[in-house]
């Protein structure tokens, strides 16, 4: 217990390291969300649905019998995962399905680093030019750390064939205890903790680029049982709403308007709740 308290004090003083005094260990996780996962039962059906929503062509070579279909969106990728390969592992459990992925600079160092903060589900798995492991946050949300050989260039914006842009603006993490969750995520990514913002229903954890990382306490405060995974951006809210109605996408509820944004939620073929939002420009 004394060791744990000393470690917690060390993390508060310097969230980028829990090493011995006088040393600093660079964080082996990159401060960004590389990919978001959507767990689906029918990979082709899901790929066609998301492609139609964002106005993108289906890439048949990615529907080759593998367990995933992915969209190379700028900033943060979107991965549809059928989990068919995972379910063949007798040690795998549904609770291990990750919400999103942090890039790791070194998978073994990342594993040791994460292990100091939470219990990983399993040791790093290695598959050729990539390696990964899953772990959970204090609220029980499953996350992934992944290393890949080489570096990938930033993807260009995709041609928009839909008023719903092929770009993930933010990823939601449902939390009940905002202060604990915000301290944990900012400590994990080596970012300063903001006591004042932890009193708000949404805490945006600073990231270097890509989708925003949004800790969201609204559903807990409102007693709602659903989960929202992420939001896609639009620059024309009315056109986006007209498009989904014309294409007969299933709305989860009525559109909502706030002082800083307008949004509506859709249900994909598996019932996953996806938000489309337009941020209002400040005058």
C-alpha atoms as a PDB file:
ATOM      1  CA  UNK A   1       0.000   0.000   0.000  1.00  0.00           C
ATOM      2  CA  UNK A   2       2.844   2.407   0.855  1.00  0.00           C
ATOM      3  CA  UNK A   3       4.506   1.619  -2.486  1.00  0.00           C
ATOM      4  CA  UNK A   4       1.223   2.271  -4.312  1.00  0.00           C
ATOM      5  CA  UNK A   5       0.808   5.674  -2.636  1.00  0.00           C
ATOM      6  CA  UNK A   6       4.383   6.636  -3.489  1.00  0.00           C
ATOM      7  CA  UNK A   7       3.798   5.593  -7.114  1.00  0.00           C
ATOM      8  CA  UNK A   8       0.598   7.620  -7.309  1.00  0.00           C
ATOM      9  CA  UNK A   9       2.372  10.694  -5.936  1.00  0.00           C
ATOM     10  CA  UNK A  10       5.154  10.195  -8.489  1.00  0.00           C
ATOM     11  CA  UNK A  11       2.623   9.983 -11.332  1.00  0.00           C
ATOM     12  CA  UNK A  12       0.943  13.211 -10.201  1.00  0.00           C
ATOM     13  CA  UNK A  13       4.286  15.015 -10.079  1.00  0.00           C
ATOM     14  CA  UNK A  14       5.383  13.675 -13.480  1.00  0.00           C
ATOM     15  CA  UNK A  15       2.747  11.698 -15.393  1.00  0.00           C
ATOM     16  CA  UNK A  16       5.266  10.805 -18.080  1.00  0.00           C
ATOM     17  CA  UNK A  17       7.285   8.553 -15.812  1.00  0.00           C
ATOM     18  CA  UNK A  18       7.030   6.260 -12.804  1.00  0.00           C
ATOM     19  CA  UNK A  19      10.743   5.549 -12.759  1.00  0.00           C
ATOM     20  CA  UNK A  20      13.031   6.082  -9.797  1.00  0.00           C
ATOM     21  CA  UNK A  21      13.741   9.687  -8.678  1.00  0.00           C
ATOM     22  CA  UNK A  22      16.079  11.597 -10.945  1.00  0.00           C
ATOM     23  CA  UNK A  23      15.263   9.521 -14.026  1.00  0.00           C
ATOM     24  CA  UNK A  24      12.808   9.987 -16.858  1.00  0.00           C
ATOM     25  CA  UNK A  25      11.509   7.212 -19.039  1.00  0.00           C
ATOM     26  CA  UNK A  26       9.976   8.400 -22.341  1.00  0.00           C
ATOM     27  CA  UNK A  27       6.417   7.228 -22.781  1.00  0.00           C
ATOM     28  CA  UNK A  28       6.363   4.248 -25.177  1.00  0.00           C
ATOM     29  CA  UNK A  29       2.806   5.028 -26.338  1.00  0.00           C
ATOM     30  CA  UNK A  30       2.120   7.734 -28.910  1.00  0.00           C
ATOM     31  CA  UNK A  31      -0.282  10.429 -27.793  1.00  0.00           C
ATOM     32  CA  UNK A  32      -2.970   9.744 -30.403  1.00  0.00           C
ATOM     33  CA  UNK A  33      -5.668   7.286 -31.353  1.00  0.00           C
ATOM     34  CA  UNK A  34      -4.448   5.366 -34.391  1.00  0.00           C
ATOM     35  CA  UNK A  35      -7.622   3.349 -35.031  1.00  0.00           C
ATOM     36  CA  UNK A  36     -11.153   2.889 -33.757  1.00  0.00           C
ATOM     37  CA  UNK A  37     -12.776  -0.558 -33.691  1.00  0.00           C
ATOM     38  CA  UNK A  38     -16.377  -1.413 -34.514  1.00  0.00           C
ATOM     39  CA  UNK A  39     -17.237  -5.016 -33.671  1.00  0.00           C
ATOM     40  CA  UNK A  40     -19.611  -6.543 -36.211  1.00  0.00           C
ATOM     41  CA  UNK A  41     -21.223  -9.891 -37.024  1.00  0.00           C
ATOM     42  CA  UNK A  42     -21.364  -9.661 -40.833  1.00  0.00           C
ATOM     43  CA  UNK A  43     -18.220  -8.062 -42.233  1.00  0.00           C
ATOM     44  CA  UNK A  44     -19.505  -7.445 -45.770  1.00  0.00           C
ATOM     45  CA  UNK A  45     -22.792  -5.991 -44.564  1.00  0.00           C
ATOM     46  CA  UNK A  46     -20.968  -3.650 -42.193  1.00  0.00           C
ATOM     47  CA  UNK A  47     -18.377  -2.651 -44.817  1.00  0.00           C
ATOM     48  CA  UNK A  48     -21.124  -1.801 -47.293  1.00  0.00           C
ATOM     49  CA  UNK A  49     -23.058   0.186 -44.675  1.00  0.00           C
ATOM     50  CA  UNK A  50     -20.109   2.338 -43.574  1.00  0.00           C
ATOM     51  CA  UNK A  51     -18.924   2.790 -47.163  1.00  0.00           C
ATOM     52  CA  UNK A  52     -22.354   4.037 -48.207  1.00  0.00           C
ATOM     53  CA  UNK A  53     -22.564   6.331 -45.191  1.00  0.00           C
ATOM     54  CA  UNK A  54     -19.250   8.033 -46.068  1.00  0.00           C
ATOM     55  CA  UNK A  55     -19.620   7.772 -49.846  1.00  0.00           C
ATOM     56  CA  UNK A  56     -16.616   5.491 -50.315  1.00  0.00           C
ATOM     57  CA  UNK A  57     -16.191   2.569 -52.712  1.00  0.00           C
ATOM     58  CA  UNK A  58     -16.059  -1.002 -51.427  1.00  0.00           C
ATOM     59  CA  UNK A  59     -12.558  -2.470 -51.699  1.00  0.00           C
ATOM     60  CA  UNK A  60     -13.175  -6.125 -52.531  1.00  0.00           C
ATOM     61  CA  UNK A  61      -9.566  -7.104 -51.828  1.00  0.00           C
ATOM     62  CA  UNK A  62     -10.229  -6.336 -48.153  1.00  0.00           C
ATOM     63  CA  UNK A  63     -13.146  -8.772 -48.094  1.00  0.00           C
ATOM     64  CA  UNK A  64     -10.917 -11.787 -48.716  1.00  0.00           C
ATOM     65  CA  UNK A  65     -12.000 -13.996 -45.840  1.00  0.00           C
ATOM     66  CA  UNK A  66     -10.016 -12.165 -43.170  1.00  0.00           C
ATOM     67  CA  UNK A  67     -11.549 -11.047 -39.870  1.00  0.00           C
ATOM     68  CA  UNK A  68     -11.319  -7.281 -40.473  1.00  0.00           C
ATOM     69  CA  UNK A  69     -12.180  -4.596 -43.019  1.00  0.00           C
ATOM     70  CA  UNK A  70     -10.493  -1.234 -42.581  1.00  0.00           C
ATOM     71  CA  UNK A  71     -10.905   2.351 -43.797  1.00  0.00           C
ATOM     72  CA  UNK A  72      -7.710   4.404 -44.152  1.00  0.00           C
ATOM     73  CA  UNK A  73      -9.301   7.592 -42.877  1.00  0.00           C
ATOM     74  CA  UNK A  74      -7.052  10.613 -42.287  1.00  0.00           C
ATOM     75  CA  UNK A  75      -5.892  11.020 -38.701  1.00  0.00           C
ATOM     76  CA  UNK A  76      -7.621   7.980 -37.189  1.00  0.00           C
ATOM     77  CA  UNK A  77      -8.487   4.799 -39.082  1.00  0.00           C
ATOM     78  CA  UNK A  78     -11.724   2.825 -38.779  1.00  0.00           C
ATOM     79  CA  UNK A  79     -11.486  -0.976 -38.361  1.00  0.00           C
ATOM     80  CA  UNK A  80     -14.508  -3.264 -38.648  1.00  0.00           C
ATOM     81  CA  UNK A  81     -13.727  -6.441 -36.723  1.00  0.00           C
ATOM     82  CA  UNK A  82     -15.764  -9.662 -36.956  1.00  0.00           C
ATOM     83  CA  UNK A  83     -13.654 -11.282 -34.180  1.00  0.00           C
ATOM     84  CA  UNK A  84     -13.824 -14.634 -35.994  1.00  0.00           C
ATOM     85  CA  UNK A  85     -10.122 -15.267 -35.376  1.00  0.00           C
ATOM     86  CA  UNK A  86     -10.372 -14.198 -31.722  1.00  0.00           C
ATOM     87  CA  UNK A  87     -13.244 -16.581 -31.019  1.00  0.00           C
ATOM     88  CA  UNK A  88     -11.066 -19.521 -32.030  1.00  0.00           C
ATOM     89  CA  UNK A  89      -8.869 -18.786 -28.998  1.00  0.00           C
ATOM     90  CA  UNK A  90     -10.321 -20.530 -25.902  1.00  0.00           C
ATOM     91  CA  UNK A  91      -8.765 -17.876 -23.642  1.00  0.00           C
ATOM     92  CA  UNK A  92     -10.394 -14.958 -25.457  1.00  0.00           C
ATOM     93  CA  UNK A  93     -13.411 -13.234 -23.901  1.00  0.00           C
ATOM     94  CA  UNK A  94     -15.870 -10.649 -25.219  1.00  0.00           C
ATOM     95  CA  UNK A  95     -14.684  -8.147 -22.609  1.00  0.00           C
ATOM     96  CA  UNK A  96     -11.317  -8.064 -24.399  1.00  0.00           C
ATOM     97  CA  UNK A  97     -12.775  -6.424 -27.541  1.00  0.00           C
ATOM     98  CA  UNK A  98     -10.926  -3.069 -27.780  1.00  0.00           C
ATOM     99  CA  UNK A  99     -12.611   0.283 -28.294  1.00  0.00           C
ATOM    100  CA  UNK A 100      -9.581   1.884 -29.936  1.00  0.00           C
ATOM    101  CA  UNK A 101      -5.834   1.565 -30.414  1.00  0.00           C
ATOM    102  CA  UNK A 102      -2.816   3.558 -29.230  1.00  0.00           C
ATOM    103  CA  UNK A 103       0.364   3.200 -31.336  1.00  0.00           C
ATOM    104  CA  UNK A 104       3.334   1.794 -29.436  1.00  0.00           C
ATOM    105  CA  UNK A 105       6.910   2.800 -30.210  1.00  0.00           C
ATOM    106  CA  UNK A 106       8.211  -0.413 -28.601  1.00  0.00           C
ATOM    107  CA  UNK A 107       5.706  -3.149 -27.758  1.00  0.00           C
ATOM    108  CA  UNK A 108       7.677  -4.703 -24.898  1.00  0.00           C
ATOM    109  CA  UNK A 109       8.404  -1.367 -23.254  1.00  0.00           C
ATOM    110  CA  UNK A 110       4.749  -0.391 -23.780  1.00  0.00           C
ATOM    111  CA  UNK A 111       3.649  -3.612 -22.088  1.00  0.00           C
ATOM    112  CA  UNK A 112       5.833  -2.950 -19.040  1.00  0.00           C
ATOM    113  CA  UNK A 113       4.630   0.651 -18.943  1.00  0.00           C
ATOM    114  CA  UNK A 114       0.937  -0.284 -19.124  1.00  0.00           C
ATOM    115  CA  UNK A 115       1.422  -3.108 -16.627  1.00  0.00           C
ATOM    116  CA  UNK A 116       2.383  -0.487 -14.023  1.00  0.00           C
ATOM    117  CA  UNK A 117      -1.026   1.159 -14.466  1.00  0.00           C
ATOM    118  CA  UNK A 118      -3.430  -1.695 -15.079  1.00  0.00           C
ATOM    119  CA  UNK A 119      -3.499  -5.420 -15.777  1.00  0.00           C
ATOM    120  CA  UNK A 120      -3.171  -6.313 -19.471  1.00  0.00           C
ATOM    121  CA  UNK A 121      -5.443  -9.063 -20.740  1.00  0.00           C
ATOM    122  CA  UNK A 122      -2.520 -10.914 -22.315  1.00  0.00           C
ATOM    123  CA  UNK A 123       1.153 -10.558 -23.182  1.00  0.00           C
ATOM    124  CA  UNK A 124       2.106  -9.047 -26.547  1.00  0.00           C
ATOM    125  CA  UNK A 125       1.066 -11.158 -29.531  1.00  0.00           C
ATOM    126  CA  UNK A 126       3.387 -10.971 -32.538  1.00  0.00           C
ATOM    127  CA  UNK A 127       2.225 -11.356 -36.126  1.00  0.00           C
ATOM    128  CA  UNK A 128       5.036 -10.674 -38.591  1.00  0.00           C
ATOM    129  CA  UNK A 129       5.508  -6.900 -38.829  1.00  0.00           C
ATOM    130  CA  UNK A 130       3.099  -6.061 -36.011  1.00  0.00           C
ATOM    131  CA  UNK A 131       2.591  -6.838 -32.327  1.00  0.00           C
ATOM    132  CA  UNK A 132      -0.197  -5.888 -29.946  1.00  0.00           C
ATOM    133  CA  UNK A 133      -1.821  -6.453 -26.563  1.00  0.00           C
ATOM    134  CA  UNK A 134      -5.107  -5.419 -24.967  1.00  0.00           C
ATOM    135  CA  UNK A 135      -5.700  -3.864 -21.573  1.00  0.00           C
ATOM    136  CA  UNK A 136      -8.498  -2.129 -19.702  1.00  0.00           C
ATOM    137  CA  UNK A 137      -9.012   1.346 -18.280  1.00  0.00           C
ATOM    138  CA  UNK A 138     -10.369   1.986 -14.748  1.00  0.00           C
ATOM    139  CA  UNK A 139     -13.968   1.855 -16.059  1.00  0.00           C
ATOM    140  CA  UNK A 140     -13.458  -1.542 -17.705  1.00  0.00           C
ATOM    141  CA  UNK A 141     -13.188  -0.281 -21.313  1.00  0.00           C
ATOM    142  CA  UNK A 142     -10.842  -2.477 -23.352  1.00  0.00           C
ATOM    143  CA  UNK A 143      -8.058  -0.730 -25.269  1.00  0.00           C
ATOM    144  CA  UNK A 144      -5.221  -1.891 -27.518  1.00  0.00           C
ATOM    145  CA  UNK A 145      -1.561  -0.963 -27.860  1.00  0.00           C
ATOM    146  CA  UNK A 146      -0.070  -1.884 -31.235  1.00  0.00           C
ATOM    147  CA  UNK A 147       3.382  -1.696 -32.794  1.00  0.00           C
ATOM    148  CA  UNK A 148       3.987  -1.956 -36.543  1.00  0.00           C
ATOM    149  CA  UNK A 149       7.293  -2.030 -38.395  1.00  0.00           C
ATOM    150  CA  UNK A 150       8.243   1.158 -40.191  1.00  0.00           C
ATOM    151  CA  UNK A 151       6.364   4.429 -40.203  1.00  0.00           C
ATOM    152  CA  UNK A 152       3.250   5.287 -42.151  1.00  0.00           C
ATOM    153  CA  UNK A 153       2.727   8.606 -43.855  1.00  0.00           C
ATOM    154  CA  UNK A 154      -0.254  10.718 -42.903  1.00  0.00           C
ATOM    155  CA  UNK A 155      -3.178   9.843 -45.174  1.00  0.00           C
ATOM    156  CA  UNK A 156      -4.640  12.496 -47.424  1.00  0.00           C
ATOM    157  CA  UNK A 157      -8.238  13.588 -47.140  1.00  0.00           C
ATOM    158  CA  UNK A 158     -10.498  11.228 -49.085  1.00  0.00           C
ATOM    159  CA  UNK A 159     -12.787  12.644 -51.781  1.00  0.00           C
ATOM    160  CA  UNK A 160     -16.147  13.264 -50.105  1.00  0.00           C
ATOM    161  CA  UNK A 161     -19.005  11.586 -51.985  1.00  0.00           C
ATOM    162  CA  UNK A 162     -21.339  12.128 -49.047  1.00  0.00           C
ATOM    163  CA  UNK A 163     -22.095  15.156 -46.861  1.00  0.00           C
ATOM    164  CA  UNK A 164     -20.865  12.938 -44.012  1.00  0.00           C
ATOM    165  CA  UNK A 165     -17.109  13.261 -44.246  1.00  0.00           C
ATOM    166  CA  UNK A 166     -14.828  10.203 -44.065  1.00  0.00           C
ATOM    167  CA  UNK A 167     -13.130  11.580 -40.990  1.00  0.00           C
ATOM    168  CA  UNK A 168     -13.490  10.598 -37.324  1.00  0.00           C
ATOM    169  CA  UNK A 169     -13.682  13.764 -35.273  1.00  0.00           C
ATOM    170  CA  UNK A 170     -13.734  12.248 -31.808  1.00  0.00           C
ATOM    171  CA  UNK A 171     -13.849   8.954 -29.901  1.00  0.00           C
ATOM    172  CA  UNK A 172     -16.058   8.595 -26.816  1.00  0.00           C
ATOM    173  CA  UNK A 173     -15.139   6.746 -23.624  1.00  0.00           C
ATOM    174  CA  UNK A 174     -18.044   6.307 -21.213  1.00  0.00           C
ATOM    175  CA  UNK A 175     -17.007   6.986 -17.619  1.00  0.00           C
ATOM    176  CA  UNK A 176     -18.699   7.163 -14.230  1.00  0.00           C
ATOM    177  CA  UNK A 177     -15.854   8.601 -12.149  1.00  0.00           C
ATOM    178  CA  UNK A 178     -14.507  11.452 -14.283  1.00  0.00           C
ATOM    179  CA  UNK A 179     -11.707  12.495 -11.955  1.00  0.00           C
ATOM    180  CA  UNK A 180     -10.249   8.986 -11.730  1.00  0.00           C
ATOM    181  CA  UNK A 181     -10.608   8.369 -15.473  1.00  0.00           C
ATOM    182  CA  UNK A 182      -9.126  11.735 -16.447  1.00  0.00           C
ATOM    183  CA  UNK A 183      -6.140  11.245 -14.129  1.00  0.00           C
ATOM    184  CA  UNK A 184      -5.563   7.774 -15.548  1.00  0.00           C
ATOM    185  CA  UNK A 185      -5.750   8.747 -19.238  1.00  0.00           C
ATOM    186  CA  UNK A 186      -3.678  11.899 -18.864  1.00  0.00           C
ATOM    187  CA  UNK A 187      -1.110   9.942 -16.858  1.00  0.00           C
ATOM    188  CA  UNK A 188      -1.056   7.171 -19.463  1.00  0.00           C
ATOM    189  CA  UNK A 189      -0.346   9.680 -22.241  1.00  0.00           C
ATOM    190  CA  UNK A 190       1.924  11.992 -20.256  1.00  0.00           C
ATOM    191  CA  UNK A 191      -0.452  14.952 -20.341  1.00  0.00           C
ATOM    192  CA  UNK A 192      -1.268  17.420 -17.544  1.00  0.00           C
ATOM    193  CA  UNK A 193      -4.401  16.748 -15.533  1.00  0.00           C
ATOM    194  CA  UNK A 194      -6.890  19.651 -15.380  1.00  0.00           C
ATOM    195  CA  UNK A 195      -8.801  19.610 -12.100  1.00  0.00           C
ATOM    196  CA  UNK A 196     -11.382  22.136 -13.284  1.00  0.00           C
ATOM    197  CA  UNK A 197     -12.232  20.304 -16.511  1.00  0.00           C
ATOM    198  CA  UNK A 198     -12.648  17.077 -14.553  1.00  0.00           C
ATOM    199  CA  UNK A 199     -15.774  18.640 -13.045  1.00  0.00           C
ATOM    200  CA  UNK A 200     -17.394  18.865 -16.488  1.00  0.00           C
ATOM    201  CA  UNK A 201     -19.457  16.065 -18.126  1.00  0.00           C
ATOM    202  CA  UNK A 202     -16.906  15.777 -20.976  1.00  0.00           C
ATOM    203  CA  UNK A 203     -13.133  15.847 -20.569  1.00  0.00           C
ATOM    204  CA  UNK A 204     -11.075  16.158 -23.749  1.00  0.00           C
ATOM    205  CA  UNK A 205      -7.690  14.495 -23.222  1.00  0.00           C
ATOM    206  CA  UNK A 206      -5.054  16.368 -25.283  1.00  0.00           C
ATOM    207  CA  UNK A 207      -3.813  14.332 -28.251  1.00  0.00           C
ATOM    208  CA  UNK A 208      -1.138  15.154 -30.803  1.00  0.00           C
ATOM    209  CA  UNK A 209      -3.351  14.637 -33.859  1.00  0.00           C
ATOM    210  CA  UNK A 210      -6.244  12.633 -35.218  1.00  0.00           C
ATOM    211  CA  UNK A 211      -9.521  12.034 -33.427  1.00  0.00           C
ATOM    212  CA  UNK A 212     -10.193  13.762 -30.121  1.00  0.00           C
ATOM    213  CA  UNK A 213     -10.220  11.526 -27.020  1.00  0.00           C
ATOM    214  CA  UNK A 214     -13.428  12.421 -25.172  1.00  0.00           C
ATOM    215  CA  UNK A 215     -14.143  11.044 -21.711  1.00  0.00           C
ATOM    216  CA  UNK A 216     -17.938  11.292 -21.497  1.00  0.00           C
ATOM    217  CA  UNK A 217     -19.943  11.156 -18.266  1.00  0.00           C
ATOM    218  CA  UNK A 218     -23.241  12.258 -19.835  1.00  0.00           C
ATOM    219  CA  UNK A 219     -24.700   8.784 -20.225  1.00  0.00           C
ATOM    220  CA  UNK A 220     -23.975   7.943 -16.604  1.00  0.00           C
ATOM    221  CA  UNK A 221     -25.510  11.237 -15.423  1.00  0.00           C
ATOM    222  CA  UNK A 222     -28.600  10.732 -17.618  1.00  0.00           C
ATOM    223  CA  UNK A 223     -29.053   7.077 -16.688  1.00  0.00           C
ATOM    224  CA  UNK A 224     -28.687   6.007 -20.324  1.00  0.00           C
ATOM    225  CA  UNK A 225     -27.675   2.441 -21.130  1.00  0.00           C
ATOM    226  CA  UNK A 226     -26.416   2.891 -24.687  1.00  0.00           C
ATOM    227  CA  UNK A 227     -22.847   3.577 -25.781  1.00  0.00           C
ATOM    228  CA  UNK A 228     -21.719   5.972 -28.509  1.00  0.00           C
ATOM    229  CA  UNK A 229     -18.476   4.891 -30.163  1.00  0.00           C
ATOM    230  CA  UNK A 230     -17.330   7.941 -32.098  1.00  0.00           C
ATOM    231  CA  UNK A 231     -18.525  10.794 -34.260  1.00  0.00           C
ATOM    232  CA  UNK A 232     -18.046  11.482 -37.935  1.00  0.00           C
ATOM    233  CA  UNK A 233     -17.835  15.070 -39.089  1.00  0.00           C
ATOM    234  CA  UNK A 234     -20.035  17.001 -41.475  1.00  0.00           C
ATOM    235  CA  UNK A 235     -19.773  20.555 -42.734  1.00  0.00           C
ATOM    236  CA  UNK A 236     -23.474  20.712 -43.675  1.00  0.00           C
ATOM    237  CA  UNK A 237     -25.727  19.327 -40.959  1.00  0.00           C
ATOM    238  CA  UNK A 238     -28.988  19.715 -42.896  1.00  0.00           C
ATOM    239  CA  UNK A 239     -27.549  18.029 -45.987  1.00  0.00           C
ATOM    240  CA  UNK A 240     -26.167  15.173 -43.880  1.00  0.00           C
ATOM    241  CA  UNK A 241     -29.516  14.628 -42.181  1.00  0.00           C
ATOM    242  CA  UNK A 242     -31.359  14.719 -45.505  1.00  0.00           C
ATOM    243  CA  UNK A 243     -28.842  12.239 -46.937  1.00  0.00           C
ATOM    244  CA  UNK A 244     -29.293   9.623 -44.199  1.00  0.00           C
ATOM    245  CA  UNK A 245     -33.063   9.925 -44.420  1.00  0.00           C
ATOM    246  CA  UNK A 246     -33.014   9.594 -48.186  1.00  0.00           C
ATOM    247  CA  UNK A 247     -30.709   6.573 -47.943  1.00  0.00           C
ATOM    248  CA  UNK A 248     -32.944   5.078 -45.231  1.00  0.00           C
ATOM    249  CA  UNK A 249     -30.280   4.841 -42.568  1.00  0.00           C
ATOM    250  CA  UNK A 250     -31.737   4.146 -39.150  1.00  0.00           C
ATOM    251  CA  UNK A 251     -31.753   7.150 -36.820  1.00  0.00           C
ATOM    252  CA  UNK A 252     -31.315   6.319 -33.129  1.00  0.00           C
ATOM    253  CA  UNK A 253     -33.309   9.359 -31.991  1.00  0.00           C
ATOM    254  CA  UNK A 254     -34.186  12.901 -33.032  1.00  0.00           C
ATOM    255  CA  UNK A 255     -31.410  15.345 -34.005  1.00  0.00           C
ATOM    256  CA  UNK A 256     -30.127  17.511 -31.182  1.00  0.00           C
ATOM    257  CA  UNK A 257     -28.806  21.064 -31.202  1.00  0.00           C
ATOM    258  CA  UNK A 258     -26.473  22.582 -28.617  1.00  0.00           C
ATOM    259  CA  UNK A 259     -24.706  25.918 -28.356  1.00  0.00           C
ATOM    260  CA  UNK A 260     -21.513  24.527 -29.866  1.00  0.00           C
ATOM    261  CA  UNK A 261     -22.694  21.681 -32.122  1.00  0.00           C
ATOM    262  CA  UNK A 262     -25.571  19.903 -33.824  1.00  0.00           C
ATOM    263  CA  UNK A 263     -25.688  16.118 -33.918  1.00  0.00           C
ATOM    264  CA  UNK A 264     -27.708  13.030 -34.672  1.00  0.00           C
ATOM    265  CA  UNK A 265     -27.023   9.380 -33.950  1.00  0.00           C
ATOM    266  CA  UNK A 266     -27.342   6.391 -36.277  1.00  0.00           C
ATOM    267  CA  UNK A 267     -27.555   2.676 -35.575  1.00  0.00           C
ATOM    268  CA  UNK A 268     -25.443   0.471 -37.820  1.00  0.00           C
ATOM    269  CA  UNK A 269     -26.619  -3.057 -38.795  1.00  0.00           C
ATOM    270  CA  UNK A 270     -25.276  -4.446 -35.496  1.00  0.00           C
ATOM    271  CA  UNK A 271     -26.894  -1.745 -33.383  1.00  0.00           C
ATOM    272  CA  UNK A 272     -23.640   0.160 -32.808  1.00  0.00           C
ATOM    273  CA  UNK A 273     -24.423   3.812 -32.179  1.00  0.00           C
ATOM    274  CA  UNK A 274     -22.475   6.270 -34.379  1.00  0.00           C
ATOM    275  CA  UNK A 275     -22.828  10.063 -34.150  1.00  0.00           C
ATOM    276  CA  UNK A 276     -22.672  12.581 -36.994  1.00  0.00           C
ATOM    277  CA  UNK A 277     -21.855  16.095 -35.797  1.00  0.00           C
ATOM    278  CA  UNK A 278     -21.205  19.580 -37.075  1.00  0.00           C
ATOM    279  CA  UNK A 279     -19.264  21.912 -34.819  1.00  0.00           C
ATOM    280  CA  UNK A 280     -20.588  25.435 -34.851  1.00  0.00           C
ATOM    281  CA  UNK A 281     -18.096  28.124 -35.735  1.00  0.00           C
ATOM    282  CA  UNK A 282     -17.406  30.644 -33.040  1.00  0.00           C
ATOM    283  CA  UNK A 283     -18.237  34.202 -34.007  1.00  0.00           C
END
